[in-house]
Protein backbone atom coordinates (compact mmCIF):
# COMPACT_ATOMS: atom_id res chain seq x y z
CA UNK A 1 0.09 0.00 0.05
CA UNK A 2 1.54 2.94 -0.73
CA UNK A 3 1.10 6.18 1.43
CA UNK A 4 1.44 9.65 1.05
CA UNK A 5 1.15 12.61 2.65
CA UNK A 6 1.04 16.13 0.69
CA UNK A 7 1.64 19.17 3.15
CA UNK A 8 0.01 22.07 1.38
CA UNK A 9 1.77 25.26 2.33
CA UNK A 10 3.37 28.88 1.79
CA UNK A 11 5.97 30.91 2.82
CA UNK A 12 4.42 33.30 4.15
CA UNK A 13 1.98 31.22 6.09
CA UNK A 14 3.07 31.40 9.95
CA UNK A 15 1.71 28.34 11.15
CA UNK A 16 2.85 26.38 8.36
CA UNK A 17 6.59 27.38 10.09
CA UNK A 18 4.65 25.35 12.82
CA UNK A 19 3.76 22.10 11.40
CA UNK A 20 7.11 21.24 9.66
CA UNK A 21 9.12 20.51 12.54
CA UNK A 22 6.28 17.79 13.86
CA UNK A 23 6.08 16.75 9.58
CA UNK A 24 9.89 16.30 10.00
CA UNK A 25 9.61 13.74 13.35
CA UNK A 26 6.91 11.89 11.61
CA UNK A 27 8.81 11.32 8.01
CA UNK A 28 12.00 9.68 10.07
CA UNK A 29 9.65 7.41 11.55
CA UNK A 30 7.16 6.94 8.78
CA UNK A 31 10.06 6.03 6.06
CA UNK A 32 7.61 3.89 3.81
CA UNK A 33 5.34 6.99 3.48
CA UNK A 34 5.99 9.47 0.89
CA UNK A 35 6.08 13.06 2.08
CA UNK A 36 5.21 15.79 -0.58
CA UNK A 37 5.75 19.33 -0.02
CA UNK A 38 3.74 21.11 -1.66
CA UNK A 39 4.21 25.38 -2.16
CA UNK A 40 0.80 26.85 -2.96
CA UNK A 41 1.69 30.05 -4.41
CA UNK A 42 3.96 27.90 -7.03
CA UNK A 43 1.39 25.01 -7.15
CA UNK A 44 -2.20 26.23 -7.43
CA UNK A 45 -3.37 23.80 -10.00
CA UNK A 46 -2.72 20.98 -7.47
CA UNK A 47 -3.82 23.16 -4.74
CA UNK A 48 -7.34 24.05 -6.38
CA UNK A 49 -7.49 20.19 -7.61
CA UNK A 50 -7.42 19.36 -3.53
CA UNK A 51 -9.69 22.35 -2.74
CA UNK A 52 -7.53 23.49 -0.51
CA UNK A 53 -8.52 26.71 1.15
CA UNK A 54 -6.76 27.48 4.73
CA UNK A 55 -3.15 26.80 5.33
CA UNK A 56 -1.66 24.82 6.93
CA UNK A 57 -4.07 21.58 4.67
CA UNK A 58 -2.00 17.73 5.30
CA UNK A 59 -3.72 15.31 3.44
CA UNK A 60 -3.16 11.80 3.46
CA UNK A 61 -4.19 9.58 0.73
CA UNK A 62 -3.84 5.73 -0.64
CA UNK A 63 -4.87 4.01 -3.58
CA UNK A 64 -8.01 4.26 -2.44
CA UNK A 65 -7.78 7.95 -2.33
CA UNK A 66 -7.89 10.13 0.36
CA UNK A 67 -8.21 9.13 3.88
CA UNK A 68 -7.48 11.99 6.32
CA UNK A 69 -7.35 15.83 5.66
CA UNK A 70 -6.37 18.33 8.02
CA UNK A 71 -6.88 21.86 8.10
CA UNK A 72 -4.72 23.40 10.59
CA UNK A 73 -1.60 22.75 12.57
CA UNK A 74 -2.12 19.13 13.58
CA UNK A 75 0.17 17.28 16.01
CA UNK A 76 1.97 14.43 15.55
CA UNK A 77 -0.45 12.09 17.07
CA UNK A 78 -3.53 12.87 14.95
CA UNK A 79 -0.83 12.10 12.06
CA UNK A 80 0.07 9.05 13.09
CA UNK A 81 -3.06 7.73 13.42
CA UNK A 82 -4.42 8.53 9.81
CA UNK A 83 -1.14 7.14 8.59
CA UNK A 84 -1.54 3.32 10.29
CA UNK A 85 -5.30 3.68 8.98
CA UNK A 86 -4.20 4.41 5.72
CA UNK A 87 -1.33 2.03 5.65
CA UNK A 88 -3.76 -0.31 7.23
């Protein structure tokens, strides 16, 4: 099962900077998950496709589609639970 975490962010987004270290820690733990950072200013088409309206937005998906969507700064435990669900 391929699991991807898409992190929609912007350089001017303060809460995104709070989210970064949380994701960096998770990335070390979840070596089989693909972490993608998507700068919404540079990749508006991707942001539109996923209907991203607020930042940061995290989208966790697997082959079946979107498993979980988090808007705002999300704690590691919540992301961890969603990654476990997506990997199951």
